[in-house]
Amino acid sequence: MVPGIKSFIGTILIIVIVIAYALLATTFASLLLGTAPWWVHLLYFFLTGLLWILPAMLIIKWMAGSKPRS
């Protein structure tokens, strides 16, 4: 695949995944963690804040592709 198209598709995927993930994580927190103690909120948002990095990392790796050998 052409690198420019790969970068464009990867960028769109990352944007869509991050927005959808943020909406889901915030909705879940609003619905179920309303009466939870502060430390549960802290732990939840810390973990969910790090969790979106995994799919983004895979997409970026795919976008970079394999380097040609010289």
PDB file of N, CA and C in Angstrom:
ATOM      1  N   MET A   1       0.847  -1.179   0.000  1.00  0.00           N
ATOM      2  CA  MET A   1       0.000   0.000   0.000  1.00  0.00           C
ATOM      3  C   MET A   1       0.893   1.243   0.000  1.00  0.00           C
ATOM      4  N   VAL A   2       0.436   2.288  -0.610  1.00  0.00           N
ATOM      5  CA  VAL A   2       1.179   3.541  -0.692  1.00  0.00           C
ATOM      6  C   VAL A   2       1.305   4.145   0.706  1.00  0.00           C
ATOM      7  N   PRO A   3       2.532   4.571   1.090  1.00  0.00           N
ATOM      8  CA  PRO A   3       2.718   5.099   2.452  1.00  0.00           C
ATOM      9  C   PRO A   3       1.809   6.276   2.803  1.00  0.00           C
ATOM     10  N   GLY A   4       1.530   7.152   1.860  1.00  0.00           N
ATOM     11  CA  GLY A   4       0.666   8.297   2.149  1.00  0.00           C
ATOM     12  C   GLY A   4      -0.751   7.878   2.497  1.00  0.00           C
ATOM     13  N   ILE A   5      -1.267   6.902   1.768  1.00  0.00           N
ATOM     14  CA  ILE A   5      -2.621   6.408   2.032  1.00  0.00           C
ATOM     15  C   ILE A   5      -2.648   5.657   3.367  1.00  0.00           C
ATOM     16  N   LYS A   6      -1.594   4.895   3.635  1.00  0.00           N
ATOM     17  CA  LYS A   6      -1.498   4.159   4.889  1.00  0.00           C
ATOM     18  C   LYS A   6      -1.503   5.123   6.084  1.00  0.00           C
ATOM     19  N   SER A   7      -0.774   6.211   5.969  1.00  0.00           N
ATOM     20  CA  SER A   7      -0.736   7.212   7.039  1.00  0.00           C
ATOM     21  C   SER A   7      -2.101   7.871   7.231  1.00  0.00           C
ATOM     22  N   PHE A   8      -2.768   8.175   6.137  1.00  0.00           N
ATOM     23  CA  PHE A   8      -4.083   8.805   6.212  1.00  0.00           C
ATOM     24  C   PHE A   8      -5.090   7.876   6.894  1.00  0.00           C
ATOM     25  N   ILE A   9      -5.133   6.609   6.463  1.00  0.00           N
ATOM     26  CA  ILE A   9      -6.054   5.635   7.045  1.00  0.00           C
ATOM     27  C   ILE A   9      -5.734   5.421   8.523  1.00  0.00           C
ATOM     28  N   GLY A  10      -4.458   5.305   8.852  1.00  0.00           N
ATOM     29  CA  GLY A  10      -4.056   5.113  10.242  1.00  0.00           C
ATOM     30  C   GLY A  10      -4.441   6.293  11.121  1.00  0.00           C
ATOM     31  N   THR A  11      -4.265   7.497  10.611  1.00  0.00           N
ATOM     32  CA  THR A  11      -4.624   8.691  11.371  1.00  0.00           C
ATOM     33  C   THR A  11      -6.124   8.735  11.638  1.00  0.00           C
ATOM     34  N   ILE A  12      -6.920   8.447  10.621  1.00  0.00           N
ATOM     35  CA  ILE A  12      -8.379   8.430  10.794  1.00  0.00           C
ATOM     36  C   ILE A  12      -8.774   7.356  11.808  1.00  0.00           C
ATOM     37  N   LEU A  13      -8.166   6.168  11.713  1.00  0.00           N
ATOM     38  CA  LEU A  13      -8.462   5.097  12.669  1.00  0.00           C
ATOM     39  C   LEU A  13      -8.137   5.498  14.100  1.00  0.00           C
ATOM     40  N   ILE A  14      -6.990   6.123  14.297  1.00  0.00           N
ATOM     41  CA  ILE A  14      -6.608   6.546  15.646  1.00  0.00           C
ATOM     42  C   ILE A  14      -7.601   7.575  16.186  1.00  0.00           C
ATOM     43  N   ILE A  15      -7.978   8.530  15.366  1.00  0.00           N
ATOM     44  CA  ILE A  15      -8.926   9.553  15.807  1.00  0.00           C
ATOM     45  C   ILE A  15     -10.262   8.920  16.188  1.00  0.00           C
ATOM     46  N   VAL A  16     -10.772   8.019  15.352  1.00  0.00           N
ATOM     47  CA  VAL A  16     -12.058   7.372  15.619  1.00  0.00           C
ATOM     48  C   VAL A  16     -11.974   6.511  16.881  1.00  0.00           C
ATOM     49  N   ILE A  17     -10.901   5.747  17.022  1.00  0.00           N
ATOM     50  CA  ILE A  17     -10.753   4.874  18.192  1.00  0.00           C
ATOM     51  C   ILE A  17     -10.649   5.696  19.475  1.00  0.00           C
ATOM     52  N   VAL A  18      -9.867   6.759  19.450  1.00  0.00           N
ATOM     53  CA  VAL A  18      -9.692   7.579  20.654  1.00  0.00           C
ATOM     54  C   VAL A  18     -11.002   8.257  21.049  1.00  0.00           C
ATOM     55  N   ILE A  19     -11.734   8.789  20.085  1.00  0.00           N
ATOM     56  CA  ILE A  19     -13.007   9.451  20.403  1.00  0.00           C
ATOM     57  C   ILE A  19     -14.025   8.443  20.929  1.00  0.00           C
ATOM     58  N   ALA A  20     -14.160   7.304  20.253  1.00  0.00           N
ATOM     59  CA  ALA A  20     -15.122   6.288  20.696  1.00  0.00           C
ATOM     60  C   ALA A  20     -14.743   5.757  22.075  1.00  0.00           C
ATOM     61  N   TYR A  21     -13.468   5.517  22.283  1.00  0.00           N
ATOM     62  CA  TYR A  21     -13.000   4.994  23.567  1.00  0.00           C
ATOM     63  C   TYR A  21     -13.247   6.002  24.690  1.00  0.00           C
ATOM     64  N   ALA A  22     -12.968   7.267  24.427  1.00  0.00           N
ATOM     65  CA  ALA A  22     -13.185   8.298  25.442  1.00  0.00           C
ATOM     66  C   ALA A  22     -14.660   8.409  25.803  1.00  0.00           C
ATOM     67  N   LEU A  23     -15.524   8.350  24.809  1.00  0.00           N
ATOM     68  CA  LEU A  23     -16.962   8.409  25.082  1.00  0.00           C
ATOM     69  C   LEU A  23     -17.430   7.205  25.899  1.00  0.00           C
ATOM     70  N   LEU A  24     -16.972   6.022  25.532  1.00  0.00           N
ATOM     71  CA  LEU A  24     -17.357   4.820  26.276  1.00  0.00           C
ATOM     72  C   LEU A  24     -16.828   4.838  27.710  1.00  0.00           C
ATOM     73  N   ALA A  25     -15.571   5.199  27.882  1.00  0.00           N
ATOM     74  CA  ALA A  25     -14.975   5.210  29.217  1.00  0.00           C
ATOM     75  C   ALA A  25     -15.660   6.241  30.113  1.00  0.00           C
ATOM     76  N   THR A  26     -15.956   7.399  29.577  1.00  0.00           N
ATOM     77  CA  THR A  26     -16.610   8.443  30.366  1.00  0.00           C
ATOM     78  C   THR A  26     -18.054   8.075  30.688  1.00  0.00           C
ATOM     79  N   THR A  27     -18.766   7.492  29.721  1.00  0.00           N
ATOM     80  CA  THR A  27     -20.141   7.065  29.963  1.00  0.00           C
ATOM     81  C   THR A  27     -20.191   5.996  31.045  1.00  0.00           C
ATOM     82  N   PHE A  28     -19.303   5.020  30.945  1.00  0.00           N
ATOM     83  CA  PHE A  28     -19.234   3.958  31.955  1.00  0.00           C
ATOM     84  C   PHE A  28     -18.956   4.549  33.332  1.00  0.00           C
ATOM     85  N   ALA A  29     -18.003   5.465  33.407  1.00  0.00           N
ATOM     86  CA  ALA A  29     -17.661   6.079  34.688  1.00  0.00           C
ATOM     87  C   ALA A  29     -18.833   6.878  35.243  1.00  0.00           C
ATOM     88  N   SER A  30     -19.527   7.604  34.387  1.00  0.00           N
ATOM     89  CA  SER A  30     -20.659   8.414  34.851  1.00  0.00           C
ATOM     90  C   SER A  30     -21.798   7.550  35.373  1.00  0.00           C
ATOM     91  N   LEU A  31     -22.042   6.439  34.694  1.00  0.00           N
ATOM     92  CA  LEU A  31     -23.164   5.586  35.085  1.00  0.00           C
ATOM     93  C   LEU A  31     -22.874   4.729  36.315  1.00  0.00           C
ATOM     94  N   LEU A  32     -21.654   4.209  36.423  1.00  0.00           N
ATOM     95  CA  LEU A  32     -21.386   3.217  37.456  1.00  0.00           C
ATOM     96  C   LEU A  32     -20.486   3.676  38.604  1.00  0.00           C
ATOM     97  N   LEU A  33     -19.747   4.747  38.418  1.00  0.00           N
ATOM     98  CA  LEU A  33     -18.803   5.147  39.461  1.00  0.00           C
ATOM     99  C   LEU A  33     -19.238   6.395  40.234  1.00  0.00           C
ATOM    100  N   GLY A  34     -20.477   6.775  40.099  1.00  0.00           N
ATOM    101  CA  GLY A  34     -20.936   7.998  40.738  1.00  0.00           C
ATOM    102  C   GLY A  34     -20.792   8.015  42.247  1.00  0.00           C
ATOM    103  N   THR A  35     -21.014   6.889  42.880  1.00  0.00           N
ATOM    104  CA  THR A  35     -20.952   6.832  44.340  1.00  0.00           C
ATOM    105  C   THR A  35     -19.678   6.166  44.856  1.00  0.00           C
ATOM    106  N   ALA A  36     -18.773   5.855  43.961  1.00  0.00           N
ATOM    107  CA  ALA A  36     -17.522   5.195  44.354  1.00  0.00           C
ATOM    108  C   ALA A  36     -16.589   6.188  45.052  1.00  0.00           C
ATOM    109  N   PRO A  37     -15.694   5.681  45.896  1.00  0.00           N
ATOM    110  CA  PRO A  37     -14.732   6.568  46.559  1.00  0.00           C
ATOM    111  C   PRO A  37     -13.748   7.186  45.562  1.00  0.00           C
ATOM    112  N   TRP A  38     -13.040   8.211  46.025  1.00  0.00           N
ATOM    113  CA  TRP A  38     -12.134   8.958  45.147  1.00  0.00           C
ATOM    114  C   TRP A  38     -11.030   8.082  44.578  1.00  0.00           C
ATOM    115  N   TRP A  39     -10.553   7.116  45.370  1.00  0.00           N
ATOM    116  CA  TRP A  39      -9.434   6.300  44.901  1.00  0.00           C
ATOM    117  C   TRP A  39      -9.855   5.353  43.778  1.00  0.00           C
ATOM    118  N   VAL A  40     -11.133   4.969  43.735  1.00  0.00           N
ATOM    119  CA  VAL A  40     -11.638   4.138  42.633  1.00  0.00           C
ATOM    120  C   VAL A  40     -11.664   4.973  41.355  1.00  0.00           C
ATOM    121  N   HIS A  41     -12.086   6.215  41.458  1.00  0.00           N
ATOM    122  CA  HIS A  41     -12.074   7.124  40.307  1.00  0.00           C
ATOM    123  C   HIS A  41     -10.643   7.309  39.797  1.00  0.00           C
ATOM    124  N   LEU A  42      -9.735   7.542  40.719  1.00  0.00           N
ATOM    125  CA  LEU A  42      -8.335   7.746  40.354  1.00  0.00           C
ATOM    126  C   LEU A  42      -7.778   6.528  39.627  1.00  0.00           C
ATOM    127  N   LEU A  43      -7.996   5.352  40.176  1.00  0.00           N
ATOM    128  CA  LEU A  43      -7.508   4.114  39.566  1.00  0.00           C
ATOM    129  C   LEU A  43      -8.168   3.875  38.205  1.00  0.00           C
ATOM    130  N   TYR A  44      -9.480   4.078  38.122  1.00  0.00           N
ATOM    131  CA  TYR A  44     -10.206   3.861  36.875  1.00  0.00           C
ATOM    132  C   TYR A  44      -9.689   4.783  35.773  1.00  0.00           C
ATOM    133  N   PHE A  45      -9.598   6.074  36.056  1.00  0.00           N
ATOM    134  CA  PHE A  45      -9.170   7.002  35.018  1.00  0.00           C
ATOM    135  C   PHE A  45      -7.686   6.856  34.694  1.00  0.00           C
ATOM    136  N   PHE A  46      -6.873   6.411  35.638  1.00  0.00           N
ATOM    137  CA  PHE A  46      -5.471   6.125  35.347  1.00  0.00           C
ATOM    138  C   PHE A  46      -5.364   4.955  34.374  1.00  0.00           C
ATOM    139  N   LEU A  47      -6.078   3.878  34.675  1.00  0.00           N
ATOM    140  CA  LEU A  47      -6.006   2.688  33.814  1.00  0.00           C
ATOM    141  C   LEU A  47      -6.644   2.929  32.442  1.00  0.00           C
ATOM    142  N   THR A  48      -7.793   3.569  32.414  1.00  0.00           N
ATOM    143  CA  THR A  48      -8.427   3.822  31.120  1.00  0.00           C
ATOM    144  C   THR A  48      -7.654   4.866  30.321  1.00  0.00           C
ATOM    145  N   GLY A  49      -6.943   5.741  31.010  1.00  0.00           N
ATOM    146  CA  GLY A  49      -6.102   6.708  30.312  1.00  0.00           C
ATOM    147  C   GLY A  49      -4.914   6.060  29.628  1.00  0.00           C
ATOM    148  N   LEU A  50      -4.443   4.962  30.174  1.00  0.00           N
ATOM    149  CA  LEU A  50      -3.322   4.241  29.565  1.00  0.00           C
ATOM    150  C   LEU A  50      -3.764   3.185  28.551  1.00  0.00           C
ATOM    151  N   LEU A  51      -4.981   2.684  28.688  1.00  0.00           N
ATOM    152  CA  LEU A  51      -5.432   1.566  27.873  1.00  0.00           C
ATOM    153  C   LEU A  51      -5.566   1.892  26.384  1.00  0.00           C
ATOM    154  N   TRP A  52      -5.893   3.130  26.030  1.00  0.00           N
ATOM    155  CA  TRP A  52      -6.058   3.472  24.617  1.00  0.00           C
ATOM    156  C   TRP A  52      -4.730   3.457  23.866  1.00  0.00           C
ATOM    157  N   ILE A  53      -3.622   3.450  24.596  1.00  0.00           N
ATOM    158  CA  ILE A  53      -2.309   3.471  23.951  1.00  0.00           C
ATOM    159  C   ILE A  53      -2.045   2.179  23.176  1.00  0.00           C
ATOM    160  N   LEU A  54      -2.555   1.051  23.660  1.00  0.00           N
ATOM    161  CA  LEU A  54      -2.298  -0.242  23.010  1.00  0.00           C
ATOM    162  C   LEU A  54      -2.800  -0.301  21.567  1.00  0.00           C
ATOM    163  N   PRO A  55      -4.079   0.007  21.279  1.00  0.00           N
ATOM    164  CA  PRO A  55      -4.496  -0.029  19.872  1.00  0.00           C
ATOM    165  C   PRO A  55      -3.811   1.053  19.039  1.00  0.00           C
ATOM    166  N   ALA A  56      -3.557   2.210  19.635  1.00  0.00           N
ATOM    167  CA  ALA A  56      -2.863   3.267  18.893  1.00  0.00           C
ATOM    168  C   ALA A  56      -1.453   2.829  18.524  1.00  0.00           C
ATOM    169  N   MET A  57      -0.789   2.131  19.424  1.00  0.00           N
ATOM    170  CA  MET A  57       0.562   1.637  19.170  1.00  0.00           C
ATOM    171  C   MET A  57       0.565   0.646  18.003  1.00  0.00           C
ATOM    172  N   LEU A  58      -0.417  -0.246  17.973  1.00  0.00           N
ATOM    173  CA  LEU A  58      -0.503  -1.212  16.880  1.00  0.00           C
ATOM    174  C   LEU A  58      -0.773  -0.533  15.538  1.00  0.00           C
ATOM    175  N   ILE A  59      -1.630   0.475  15.541  1.00  0.00           N
ATOM    176  CA  ILE A  59      -1.922   1.193  14.299  1.00  0.00           C
ATOM    177  C   ILE A  59      -0.690   1.950  13.817  1.00  0.00           C
ATOM    178  N   ILE A  60       0.027   2.581  14.725  1.00  0.00           N
ATOM    179  CA  ILE A  60       1.237   3.310  14.342  1.00  0.00           C
ATOM    180  C   ILE A  60       2.291   2.357  13.805  1.00  0.00           C
ATOM    181  N   LYS A  61       2.401   1.184  14.418  1.00  0.00           N
ATOM    182  CA  LYS A  61       3.343   0.169  13.930  1.00  0.00           C
ATOM    183  C   LYS A  61       2.962  -0.260  12.510  1.00  0.00           C
ATOM    184  N   TRP A  62       1.670  -0.448  12.263  1.00  0.00           N
ATOM    185  CA  TRP A  62       1.193  -0.804  10.929  1.00  0.00           C
ATOM    186  C   TRP A  62       1.474   0.319   9.934  1.00  0.00           C
ATOM    187  N   MET A  63       1.261   1.562  10.369  1.00  0.00           N
ATOM    188  CA  MET A  63       1.511   2.711   9.489  1.00  0.00           C
ATOM    189  C   MET A  63       2.971   2.806   9.099  1.00  0.00           C
ATOM    190  N   ALA A  64       3.863   2.525  10.039  1.00  0.00           N
ATOM    191  CA  ALA A  64       5.291   2.618   9.770  1.00  0.00           C
ATOM    192  C   ALA A  64       5.736   1.546   8.770  1.00  0.00           C
ATOM    193  N   GLY A  65       5.103   0.398   8.828  1.00  0.00           N
ATOM    194  CA  GLY A  65       5.421  -0.684   7.888  1.00  0.00           C
ATOM    195  C   GLY A  65       6.823  -1.210   8.104  1.00  0.00           C
ATOM    196  N   SER A  66       7.256  -2.028   7.173  1.00  0.00           N
ATOM    197  CA  SER A  66       8.601  -2.577   7.252  1.00  0.00           C
ATOM    198  C   SER A  66       9.562  -1.670   6.503  1.00  0.00           C
ATOM    199  N   LYS A  67      10.730  -1.490   7.067  1.00  0.00           N
ATOM    200  CA  LYS A  67      11.754  -0.647   6.470  1.00  0.00           C
ATOM    201  C   LYS A  67      12.496  -1.452   5.403  1.00  0.00           C
ATOM    202  N   PRO A  68      12.718  -0.880   4.233  1.00  0.00           N
ATOM    203  CA  PRO A  68      13.488  -1.600   3.208  1.00  0.00           C
ATOM    204  C   PRO A  68      14.944  -1.728   3.633  1.00  0.00           C
ATOM    205  N   ARG A  69      15.517  -2.878   3.351  1.00  0.00           N
ATOM    206  CA  ARG A  69      16.921  -3.095   3.703  1.00  0.00           C
ATOM    207  C   ARG A  69      17.821  -2.425   2.695  1.00  0.00           C
ATOM    208  N   SER A  70      18.937  -1.888   3.196  1.00  0.00           N
ATOM    209  CA  SER A  70      19.859  -1.219   2.279  1.00  0.00           C
ATOM    210  C   SER A  70      21.072  -2.064   2.005  1.00  0.00           C
TER     211      SER A  70
END
